[in-house]
Amino acid sequence: MSITLLRTLIAVSDTGSFAAASARVNVSQAAVGQQMKRLEENLGVALFDRDRKVPRLNPLGQGLVPKARDVVLAYDGMLTDLTGDAQLVGEMTLGAVPSTLRVLVPRAVKQLIAAYPDLRIRVVPGLSDDLSEQVERGALDAALLGPFAPQTNMLWQPVAREPFVLIAGPDIEGDDPRALLAGHPFIRHTRRAAAGRLADDWLAAQKIAVSAAMEMETLEAVAAMVSHGLGLSVVPDICVPDATFADLRKLSLKGAPARELGILSRADSRKRRLTERLLEEVEAIIRN
């Protein structure tokens, strides 16, 4: 059975007709019909309801489409193995820290899918430490996270430097970070996250004691609590923020660290071209 026949079947399913599918696979409408007839003959079953003027997939044909997609994806992956060059089709599994999921990642993924309609991207949220481990063992093709210590078998491509700032609700008055931290509850970002550890290390180095009111798992949750006047926090100045974070007051901090945000992948990844295209989209969004 030819892979071409399966690609045409998928095109018919996606577009809804032989005529529309012909434009997708670059053959005539008559050739699409001939290919589907040949596929039915190879399988020994009818895949289309031809009682109508426009043939439609019958239940058996509809059930075959997901299996055809799996076969085509496996075939494309085999070609990648042989050529060492990742195809801009198939599936990419992308990890992402929560602070990138509101704006940066959706915009980048949307741009990639618009450019490559046959590409499917699965996004996996997580903290930097968890995501880096998944990239190392091959469970993720790439991850947008930070920071990461370079290793010989890994490719680390920085995309942004986010200096830590004091965030406060718009109604909080005053410009002295020390005085503000002393006079308001502190919303801590979990130390399980690299950004949370950097913030705590800065507070310790500056000998600033805070009154922790709560500890949150994500920067988005921290920002939400701060926006409702429940306290202050020390976090990275997110390079592509959502509306909640953008509306907060942000005060510079003396001697503050910065979070390096980047894309991590394996040096031997079969999805190198996809990762490079993702990097281009992310950098373009950050610049603009």
C-alpha atoms as a PDB file:
ATOM      1  CA  MET A   1       0.000   0.000   0.000  1.00  0.00           C
ATOM      2  CA  SER A   2       1.380   3.405  -0.981  1.00  0.00           C
ATOM      3  CA  ILE A   3       1.939   6.205   1.543  1.00  0.00           C
ATOM      4  CA  THR A   4       0.617   8.502  -1.176  1.00  0.00           C
ATOM      5  CA  LEU A   5      -2.796   6.857  -0.948  1.00  0.00           C
ATOM      6  CA  LEU A   6      -2.901   7.406   2.817  1.00  0.00           C
ATOM      7  CA  ARG A   7      -1.862  11.054   2.449  1.00  0.00           C
ATOM      8  CA  THR A   8      -4.670  11.550  -0.047  1.00  0.00           C
ATOM      9  CA  LEU A   9      -7.178   9.874   2.275  1.00  0.00           C
ATOM     10  CA  ILE A  10      -6.145  12.266   5.061  1.00  0.00           C
ATOM     11  CA  ALA A  11      -6.502  15.216   2.677  1.00  0.00           C
ATOM     12  CA  VAL A  12     -10.026  14.118   1.693  1.00  0.00           C
ATOM     13  CA  SER A  13     -10.962  13.807   5.367  1.00  0.00           C
ATOM     14  CA  ASP A  14      -9.499  17.222   6.258  1.00  0.00           C
ATOM     15  CA  THR A  15     -10.953  19.132   3.313  1.00  0.00           C
ATOM     16  CA  GLY A  16     -14.280  17.327   2.958  1.00  0.00           C
ATOM     17  CA  SER A  17     -14.209  16.567  -0.774  1.00  0.00           C
ATOM     18  CA  PHE A  18     -12.167  15.125  -3.632  1.00  0.00           C
ATOM     19  CA  ALA A  19     -12.058  18.555  -5.289  1.00  0.00           C
ATOM     20  CA  ALA A  20     -10.630  20.338  -2.244  1.00  0.00           C
ATOM     21  CA  ALA A  21      -8.237  17.468  -1.542  1.00  0.00           C
ATOM     22  CA  SER A  22      -6.828  17.705  -5.058  1.00  0.00           C
ATOM     23  CA  ALA A  23      -5.406  21.149  -4.288  1.00  0.00           C
ATOM     24  CA  ARG A  24      -3.816  19.840  -1.075  1.00  0.00           C
ATOM     25  CA  VAL A  25      -2.039  16.891  -2.719  1.00  0.00           C
ATOM     26  CA  ASN A  26      -1.372  18.613  -6.065  1.00  0.00           C
ATOM     27  CA  VAL A  27      -3.170  16.187  -8.372  1.00  0.00           C
ATOM     28  CA  SER A  28      -6.408  16.438 -10.335  1.00  0.00           C
ATOM     29  CA  GLN A  29      -9.794  15.697  -8.810  1.00  0.00           C
ATOM     30  CA  ALA A  30     -10.053  12.651 -11.082  1.00  0.00           C
ATOM     31  CA  ALA A  31      -6.691  11.391  -9.802  1.00  0.00           C
ATOM     32  CA  VAL A  32      -7.897  11.722  -6.212  1.00  0.00           C
ATOM     33  CA  GLY A  33     -10.924   9.603  -7.049  1.00  0.00           C
ATOM     34  CA  GLN A  34      -8.723   6.995  -8.735  1.00  0.00           C
ATOM     35  CA  GLN A  35      -6.374   6.885  -5.755  1.00  0.00           C
ATOM     36  CA  MET A  36      -9.239   6.353  -3.319  1.00  0.00           C
ATOM     37  CA  LYS A  37     -10.663   3.610  -5.529  1.00  0.00           C
ATOM     38  CA  ARG A  38      -7.261   1.907  -5.554  1.00  0.00           C
ATOM     39  CA  LEU A  39      -7.032   2.189  -1.759  1.00  0.00           C
ATOM     40  CA  GLU A  40     -10.418   0.500  -1.415  1.00  0.00           C
ATOM     41  CA  GLU A  41      -9.290  -2.273  -3.762  1.00  0.00           C
ATOM     42  CA  ASN A  42      -6.079  -2.794  -1.790  1.00  0.00           C
ATOM     43  CA  LEU A  43      -8.014  -3.074   1.456  1.00  0.00           C
ATOM     44  CA  GLY A  44     -10.962  -4.995   0.007  1.00  0.00           C
ATOM     45  CA  VAL A  45     -13.515  -2.688   1.637  1.00  0.00           C
ATOM     46  CA  ALA A  46     -15.609   0.358   0.719  1.00  0.00           C
ATOM     47  CA  LEU A  47     -14.414   3.553   2.435  1.00  0.00           C
ATOM     48  CA  PHE A  48     -16.831   6.019   0.805  1.00  0.00           C
ATOM     49  CA  ASP A  49     -20.559   6.446   0.508  1.00  0.00           C
ATOM     50  CA  ARG A  50     -20.994   7.043  -3.226  1.00  0.00           C
ATOM     51  CA  ASP A  51     -24.784   7.206  -3.225  1.00  0.00           C
ATOM     52  CA  ARG A  52     -24.514  10.962  -2.970  1.00  0.00           C
ATOM     53  CA  LYS A  53     -23.353  13.373  -5.655  1.00  0.00           C
ATOM     54  CA  VAL A  54     -20.242  14.145  -3.575  1.00  0.00           C
ATOM     55  CA  PRO A  55     -18.645  10.972  -2.120  1.00  0.00           C
ATOM     56  CA  ARG A  56     -18.326  11.028   1.671  1.00  0.00           C
ATOM     57  CA  LEU A  57     -16.284   8.830   3.986  1.00  0.00           C
ATOM     58  CA  ASN A  58     -18.417   6.102   5.522  1.00  0.00           C
ATOM     59  CA  PRO A  59     -17.913   5.021   9.179  1.00  0.00           C
ATOM     60  CA  LEU A  60     -15.215   2.534   8.147  1.00  0.00           C
ATOM     61  CA  GLY A  61     -13.378   5.214   6.190  1.00  0.00           C
ATOM     62  CA  GLN A  62     -13.643   7.672   9.086  1.00  0.00           C
ATOM     63  CA  GLY A  63     -12.219   5.054  11.418  1.00  0.00           C
ATOM     64  CA  LEU A  64      -9.283   4.461   9.086  1.00  0.00           C
ATOM     65  CA  VAL A  65      -8.185   8.112   9.006  1.00  0.00           C
ATOM     66  CA  PRO A  66      -6.570   8.242  12.498  1.00  0.00           C
ATOM     67  CA  LYS A  67      -4.653   5.034  11.714  1.00  0.00           C
ATOM     68  CA  ALA A  68      -3.535   6.525   8.401  1.00  0.00           C
ATOM     69  CA  ARG A  69      -2.236   9.592  10.248  1.00  0.00           C
ATOM     70  CA  ASP A  70      -0.212   7.358  12.569  1.00  0.00           C
ATOM     71  CA  VAL A  71       1.306   5.479   9.639  1.00  0.00           C
ATOM     72  CA  VAL A  72       2.207   8.694   7.800  1.00  0.00           C
ATOM     73  CA  LEU A  73       3.772  10.196  10.936  1.00  0.00           C
ATOM     74  CA  ALA A  74       5.808   7.024  11.479  1.00  0.00           C
ATOM     75  CA  TYR A  75       6.907   7.115   7.841  1.00  0.00           C
ATOM     76  CA  ASP A  76       7.976  10.750   8.104  1.00  0.00           C
ATOM     77  CA  GLY A  77       9.888   9.890  11.277  1.00  0.00           C
ATOM     78  CA  MET A  78      11.678   7.078   9.446  1.00  0.00           C
ATOM     79  CA  LEU A  79      12.796   9.539   6.788  1.00  0.00           C
ATOM     80  CA  THR A  80      14.088  11.830   9.507  1.00  0.00           C
ATOM     81  CA  ASP A  81      16.147   8.987  10.958  1.00  0.00           C
ATOM     82  CA  LEU A  82      17.688   8.263   7.549  1.00  0.00           C
ATOM     83  CA  THR A  83      18.402  11.838   6.510  1.00  0.00           C
ATOM     84  CA  GLY A  84      19.189  13.376   9.893  1.00  0.00           C
ATOM     85  CA  ASP A  85      17.026  16.313   8.896  1.00  0.00           C
ATOM     86  CA  ALA A  86      13.815  16.960  10.834  1.00  0.00           C
ATOM     87  CA  GLN A  87      10.779  17.446   8.652  1.00  0.00           C
ATOM     88  CA  LEU A  88       8.550  20.467   9.141  1.00  0.00           C
ATOM     89  CA  VAL A  89       5.594  18.107   9.425  1.00  0.00           C
ATOM     90  CA  GLY A  90       4.473  15.557  11.963  1.00  0.00           C
ATOM     91  CA  GLU A  91       4.382  16.256  15.685  1.00  0.00           C
ATOM     92  CA  MET A  92       6.553  18.276  18.039  1.00  0.00           C
ATOM     93  CA  THR A  93       6.296  17.927  21.802  1.00  0.00           C
ATOM     94  CA  LEU A  94       7.196  21.212  23.476  1.00  0.00           C
ATOM     95  CA  GLY A  95       7.654  21.799  27.194  1.00  0.00           C
ATOM     96  CA  ALA A  96       7.113  25.288  28.610  1.00  0.00           C
ATOM     97  CA  VAL A  97       7.347  26.996  31.985  1.00  0.00           C
ATOM     98  CA  PRO A  98       4.004  28.503  33.089  1.00  0.00           C
ATOM     99  CA  SER A  99       5.108  32.130  32.661  1.00  0.00           C
ATOM    100  CA  THR A 100       5.365  31.583  28.893  1.00  0.00           C
ATOM    101  CA  LEU A 101       1.988  29.878  28.444  1.00  0.00           C
ATOM    102  CA  ARG A 102      -0.301  32.913  28.521  1.00  0.00           C
ATOM    103  CA  VAL A 103       1.168  34.833  25.575  1.00  0.00           C
ATOM    104  CA  LEU A 104       4.608  33.799  24.284  1.00  0.00           C
ATOM    105  CA  VAL A 105       4.029  30.095  23.599  1.00  0.00           C
ATOM    106  CA  PRO A 106       0.506  30.442  22.125  1.00  0.00           C
ATOM    107  CA  ARG A 107       1.692  33.137  19.726  1.00  0.00           C
ATOM    108  CA  ALA A 108       4.763  31.148  18.662  1.00  0.00           C
ATOM    109  CA  VAL A 109       2.777  27.933  18.187  1.00  0.00           C
ATOM    110  CA  LYS A 110       0.105  29.777  16.193  1.00  0.00           C
ATOM    111  CA  GLN A 111       2.752  31.207  13.863  1.00  0.00           C
ATOM    112  CA  LEU A 112       4.358  27.800  13.301  1.00  0.00           C
ATOM    113  CA  ILE A 113       1.064  26.059  12.570  1.00  0.00           C
ATOM    114  CA  ALA A 114       0.058  28.848  10.182  1.00  0.00           C
ATOM    115  CA  ALA A 115       3.332  28.365   8.293  1.00  0.00           C
ATOM    116  CA  TYR A 116       3.229  24.551   8.409  1.00  0.00           C
ATOM    117  CA  PRO A 117      -0.387  23.286   8.443  1.00  0.00           C
ATOM    118  CA  ASP A 118       0.715  19.626   8.610  1.00  0.00           C
ATOM    119  CA  LEU A 119       2.598  20.252  11.847  1.00  0.00           C
ATOM    120  CA  ARG A 120       1.042  19.261  15.163  1.00  0.00           C
ATOM    121  CA  ILE A 121       2.460  20.700  18.381  1.00  0.00           C
ATOM    122  CA  ARG A 122       1.721  19.254  21.814  1.00  0.00           C
ATOM    123  CA  VAL A 123       2.530  21.621  24.701  1.00  0.00           C
ATOM    124  CA  VAL A 124       3.506  20.215  28.098  1.00  0.00           C
ATOM    125  CA  PRO A 125       3.553  22.688  31.043  1.00  0.00           C
ATOM    126  CA  GLY A 126       6.036  22.242  33.879  1.00  0.00           C
ATOM    127  CA  LEU A 127       8.788  23.727  36.010  1.00  0.00           C
ATOM    128  CA  SER A 128      12.280  24.136  34.577  1.00  0.00           C
ATOM    129  CA  ASP A 129      13.872  21.255  36.492  1.00  0.00           C
ATOM    130  CA  ASP A 130      11.161  18.789  35.472  1.00  0.00           C
ATOM    131  CA  LEU A 131      11.169  19.924  31.848  1.00  0.00           C
ATOM    132  CA  SER A 132      14.939  19.747  31.454  1.00  0.00           C
ATOM    133  CA  GLU A 133      14.916  16.170  32.745  1.00  0.00           C
ATOM    134  CA  GLN A 134      12.244  15.245  30.196  1.00  0.00           C
ATOM    135  CA  VAL A 135      14.247  16.799  27.367  1.00  0.00           C
ATOM    136  CA  GLU A 136      17.376  14.927  28.434  1.00  0.00           C
ATOM    137  CA  ARG A 137      15.639  11.543  28.339  1.00  0.00           C
ATOM    138  CA  GLY A 138      13.890  12.326  25.050  1.00  0.00           C
ATOM    139  CA  ALA A 139      10.322  12.629  26.356  1.00  0.00           C
ATOM    140  CA  LEU A 140      10.180  16.215  25.028  1.00  0.00           C
ATOM    141  CA  ASP A 141      11.597  17.442  21.720  1.00  0.00           C
ATOM    142  CA  ALA A 142      12.359  20.860  23.219  1.00  0.00           C
ATOM    143  CA  ALA A 143      11.412  23.071  26.152  1.00  0.00           C
ATOM    144  CA  LEU A 144      11.167  26.801  26.771  1.00  0.00           C
ATOM    145  CA  LEU A 145      12.574  27.217  30.271  1.00  0.00           C
ATOM    146  CA  GLY A 146      15.334  28.788  32.282  1.00  0.00           C
ATOM    147  CA  PRO A 147      18.041  28.772  33.357  1.00  0.00           C
ATOM    148  CA  PHE A 148      20.085  25.713  32.306  1.00  0.00           C
ATOM    149  CA  ALA A 149      23.738  24.819  32.835  1.00  0.00           C
ATOM    150  CA  PRO A 150      25.227  23.743  29.471  1.00  0.00           C
ATOM    151  CA  GLN A 151      25.968  20.038  28.996  1.00  0.00           C
ATOM    152  CA  THR A 152      27.746  18.282  26.138  1.00  0.00           C
ATOM    153  CA  ASN A 153      24.676  16.314  25.007  1.00  0.00           C
ATOM    154  CA  MET A 154      22.276  19.265  25.254  1.00  0.00           C
ATOM    155  CA  LEU A 155      21.718  22.385  23.146  1.00  0.00           C
ATOM    156  CA  TRP A 156      20.856  25.530  25.124  1.00  0.00           C
ATOM    157  CA  GLN A 157      19.771  28.595  23.114  1.00  0.00           C
ATOM    158  CA  PRO A 158      19.042  31.715  25.245  1.00  0.00           C
ATOM    159  CA  VAL A 159      16.204  33.945  24.042  1.00  0.00           C
ATOM    160  CA  ALA A 160      15.716  36.545  26.804  1.00  0.00           C
ATOM    161  CA  ARG A 161      17.198  37.915  30.017  1.00  0.00           C
ATOM    162  CA  GLU A 162      14.568  38.807  32.612  1.00  0.00           C
ATOM    163  CA  PRO A 163      15.886  40.912  35.534  1.00  0.00           C
ATOM    164  CA  PHE A 164      14.154  40.404  38.879  1.00  0.00           C
ATOM    165  CA  VAL A 165      11.895  43.219  40.043  1.00  0.00           C
ATOM    166  CA  LEU A 166       9.615  43.950  42.959  1.00  0.00           C
ATOM    167  CA  ILE A 167       5.992  43.686  41.825  1.00  0.00           C
ATOM    168  CA  ALA A 168       3.183  45.494  43.605  1.00  0.00           C
ATOM    169  CA  GLY A 169      -0.452  46.324  42.958  1.00  0.00           C
ATOM    170  CA  PRO A 170      -1.145  49.688  41.261  1.00  0.00           C
ATOM    171  CA  ASP A 171      -2.578  51.067  44.513  1.00  0.00           C
ATOM    172  CA  ILE A 172       0.594  50.418  46.538  1.00  0.00           C
ATOM    173  CA  GLU A 173       2.464  53.681  47.151  1.00  0.00           C
ATOM    174  CA  GLY A 174       6.172  54.162  47.751  1.00  0.00           C
ATOM    175  CA  ASP A 175       9.381  53.612  45.796  1.00  0.00           C
ATOM    176  CA  ASP A 176      11.713  52.085  48.386  1.00  0.00           C
ATOM    177  CA  PRO A 177      11.749  48.295  47.880  1.00  0.00           C
ATOM    178  CA  ARG A 178      13.110  47.626  51.377  1.00  0.00           C
ATOM    179  CA  ALA A 179      10.418  49.699  53.041  1.00  0.00           C
ATOM    180  CA  LEU A 180       7.698  48.122  50.927  1.00  0.00           C
ATOM    181  CA  LEU A 181       8.898  44.583  51.653  1.00  0.00           C
ATOM    182  CA  ALA A 182       9.011  45.395  55.357  1.00  0.00           C
ATOM    183  CA  GLY A 183       5.518  46.860  55.397  1.00  0.00           C
ATOM    184  CA  HIS A 184       3.552  44.357  53.316  1.00  0.00           C
ATOM    185  CA  PRO A 185       2.989  40.583  53.214  1.00  0.00           C
ATOM    186  CA  PHE A 186       5.245  38.664  50.837  1.00  0.00           C
ATOM    187  CA  ILE A 187       3.908  36.291  48.189  1.00  0.00           C
ATOM    188  CA  ARG A 188       6.591  33.646  47.684  1.00  0.00           C
ATOM    189  CA  HIS A 189       7.161  31.777  44.431  1.00  0.00           C
ATOM    190  CA  THR A 190       7.894  28.141  45.240  1.00  0.00           C
ATOM    191  CA  ARG A 191      11.546  27.190  45.672  1.00  0.00           C
ATOM    192  CA  ARG A 192      10.834  24.173  43.476  1.00  0.00           C
ATOM    193  CA  ALA A 193      11.062  26.684  40.627  1.00  0.00           C
ATOM    194  CA  ALA A 194      14.415  28.138  39.613  1.00  0.00           C
ATOM    195  CA  ALA A 195      12.937  31.661  39.747  1.00  0.00           C
ATOM    196  CA  GLY A 196      11.721  31.076  43.303  1.00  0.00           C
ATOM    197  CA  ARG A 197      15.171  29.983  44.420  1.00  0.00           C
ATOM    198  CA  LEU A 198      16.819  33.005  42.789  1.00  0.00           C
ATOM    199  CA  ALA A 199      14.390  35.365  44.531  1.00  0.00           C
ATOM    200  CA  ASP A 200      14.991  33.776  47.945  1.00  0.00           C
ATOM    201  CA  ASP A 201      18.749  33.851  47.412  1.00  0.00           C
ATOM    202  CA  TRP A 202      18.600  37.584  46.598  1.00  0.00           C
ATOM    203  CA  LEU A 203      16.526  38.316  49.707  1.00  0.00           C
ATOM    204  CA  ALA A 204      19.049  36.417  51.835  1.00  0.00           C
ATOM    205  CA  ALA A 205      22.026  38.181  50.238  1.00  0.00           C
ATOM    206  CA  GLN A 206      20.404  41.569  50.872  1.00  0.00           C
ATOM    207  CA  LYS A 207      19.542  40.528  54.454  1.00  0.00           C
ATOM    208  CA  ILE A 208      15.891  41.380  53.850  1.00  0.00           C
ATOM    209  CA  ALA A 209      13.421  39.604  56.134  1.00  0.00           C
ATOM    210  CA  VAL A 210       9.932  39.201  54.737  1.00  0.00           C
ATOM    211  CA  SER A 211       6.631  38.138  56.203  1.00  0.00           C
ATOM    212  CA  ALA A 212       5.535  35.355  53.865  1.00  0.00           C
ATOM    213  CA  ALA A 213       1.759  35.247  53.512  1.00  0.00           C
ATOM    214  CA  MET A 214       1.534  32.387  51.017  1.00  0.00           C
ATOM    215  CA  GLU A 215       3.562  30.356  48.521  1.00  0.00           C
ATOM    216  CA  MET A 216       2.400  29.879  44.935  1.00  0.00           C
ATOM    217  CA  GLU A 217       3.413  27.306  42.315  1.00  0.00           C
ATOM    218  CA  THR A 218       3.504  29.636  39.291  1.00  0.00           C
ATOM    219  CA  LEU A 219       4.452  33.215  38.519  1.00  0.00           C
ATOM    220  CA  GLU A 220       0.945  33.747  37.133  1.00  0.00           C
ATOM    221  CA  ALA A 221      -0.556  32.798  40.495  1.00  0.00           C
ATOM    222  CA  VAL A 222       1.894  35.108  42.278  1.00  0.00           C
ATOM    223  CA  ALA A 223       0.965  37.984  39.966  1.00  0.00           C
ATOM    224  CA  ALA A 224      -2.757  37.339  40.476  1.00  0.00           C
ATOM    225  CA  MET A 225      -2.399  37.519  44.272  1.00  0.00           C
ATOM    226  CA  VAL A 226      -0.318  40.696  44.036  1.00  0.00           C
ATOM    227  CA  SER A 227      -2.823  42.283  41.643  1.00  0.00           C
ATOM    228  CA  HIS A 228      -5.563  41.779  44.270  1.00  0.00           C
ATOM    229  CA  GLY A 229      -3.539  43.615  46.909  1.00  0.00           C
ATOM    230  CA  LEU A 230      -2.654  40.523  48.966  1.00  0.00           C
ATOM    231  CA  GLY A 231       1.054  41.267  49.092  1.00  0.00           C
ATOM    232  CA  LEU A 232       4.247  41.929  47.143  1.00  0.00           C
ATOM    233  CA  SER A 233       6.751  39.648  45.477  1.00  0.00           C
ATOM    234  CA  VAL A 234      10.170  39.472  43.835  1.00  0.00           C
ATOM    235  CA  VAL A 235       9.987  37.819  40.408  1.00  0.00           C
ATOM    236  CA  PRO A 236      11.525  37.961  36.921  1.00  0.00           C
ATOM    237  CA  ASP A 237      10.217  40.787  34.745  1.00  0.00           C
ATOM    238  CA  ILE A 238       8.436  38.517  32.248  1.00  0.00           C
ATOM    239  CA  CYS A 239       9.566  39.407  28.720  1.00  0.00           C
ATOM    240  CA  VAL A 240       6.147  38.823  27.098  1.00  0.00           C
ATOM    241  CA  PRO A 241       3.643  39.350  29.936  1.00  0.00           C
ATOM    242  CA  ASP A 242      -0.074  38.803  30.087  1.00  0.00           C
ATOM    243  CA  ALA A 243      -2.398  41.684  30.958  1.00  0.00           C
ATOM    244  CA  THR A 244      -2.363  40.994  34.716  1.00  0.00           C
ATOM    245  CA  PHE A 245       1.408  41.081  34.986  1.00  0.00           C
ATOM    246  CA  ALA A 246       1.720  44.069  32.637  1.00  0.00           C
ATOM    247  CA  ASP A 247      -0.583  46.183  34.867  1.00  0.00           C
ATOM    248  CA  LEU A 248       1.474  45.663  38.037  1.00  0.00           C
ATOM    249  CA  ARG A 249       3.939  48.194  39.408  1.00  0.00           C
ATOM    250  CA  LYS A 250       7.544  47.063  38.906  1.00  0.00           C
ATOM    251  CA  LEU A 251      10.452  48.459  40.909  1.00  0.00           C
ATOM    252  CA  SER A 252      14.104  47.849  40.090  1.00  0.00           C
ATOM    253  CA  LEU A 253      16.175  46.058  42.720  1.00  0.00           C
ATOM    254  CA  LYS A 254      19.777  46.694  43.682  1.00  0.00           C
ATOM    255  CA  GLY A 255      22.016  43.747  42.868  1.00  0.00           C
ATOM    256  CA  ALA A 256      19.076  41.736  41.568  1.00  0.00           C
ATOM    257  CA  PRO A 257      19.719  38.563  39.549  1.00  0.00           C
ATOM    258  CA  ALA A 258      18.157  37.841  36.178  1.00  0.00           C
ATOM    259  CA  ARG A 259      16.450  34.746  34.841  1.00  0.00           C
ATOM    260  CA  GLU A 260      17.829  33.564  31.523  1.00  0.00           C
ATOM    261  CA  LEU A 261      15.023  32.149  29.408  1.00  0.00           C
ATOM    262  CA  GLY A 262      15.935  29.803  26.580  1.00  0.00           C
ATOM    263  CA  ILE A 263      15.066  26.793  24.457  1.00  0.00           C
ATOM    264  CA  LEU A 264      16.575  23.471  25.479  1.00  0.00           C
ATOM    265  CA  SER A 265      16.853  20.461  23.176  1.00  0.00           C
ATOM    266  CA  ARG A 266      19.063  17.430  22.748  1.00  0.00           C
ATOM    267  CA  ALA A 267      22.123  17.956  20.560  1.00  0.00           C
ATOM    268  CA  ASP A 268      21.181  14.812  18.620  1.00  0.00           C
ATOM    269  CA  SER A 269      17.494  15.721  18.254  1.00  0.00           C
ATOM    270  CA  ARG A 270      15.748  14.637  15.047  1.00  0.00           C
ATOM    271  CA  LYS A 271      13.611  17.775  15.338  1.00  0.00           C
ATOM    272  CA  ARG A 272      16.489  20.254  14.947  1.00  0.00           C
ATOM    273  CA  ARG A 273      14.868  22.220  12.123  1.00  0.00           C
ATOM    274  CA  LEU A 274      11.607  22.486  14.036  1.00  0.00           C
ATOM    275  CA  THR A 275      13.454  23.733  17.103  1.00  0.00           C
ATOM    276  CA  GLU A 276      15.293  26.316  15.000  1.00  0.00           C
ATOM    277  CA  ARG A 277      12.009  27.560  13.536  1.00  0.00           C
ATOM    278  CA  LEU A 278      10.498  27.728  17.015  1.00  0.00           C
ATOM    279  CA  LEU A 279      13.518  29.748  18.160  1.00  0.00           C
ATOM    280  CA  GLU A 280      13.032  32.197  15.293  1.00  0.00           C
ATOM    281  CA  GLU A 281       9.364  32.721  16.140  1.00  0.00           C
ATOM    282  CA  VAL A 282      10.042  33.170  19.859  1.00  0.00           C
ATOM    283  CA  GLU A 283      12.835  35.686  19.234  1.00  0.00           C
ATOM    284  CA  ALA A 284      10.639  37.657  16.817  1.00  0.00           C
ATOM    285  CA  ILE A 285       7.811  37.870  19.352  1.00  0.00           C
ATOM    286  CA  ILE A 286      10.169  38.999  22.122  1.00  0.00           C
ATOM    287  CA  ARG A 287      11.733  41.676  19.895  1.00  0.00           C
ATOM    288  CA  ASN A 288       8.331  43.085  19.014  1.00  0.00           C
END
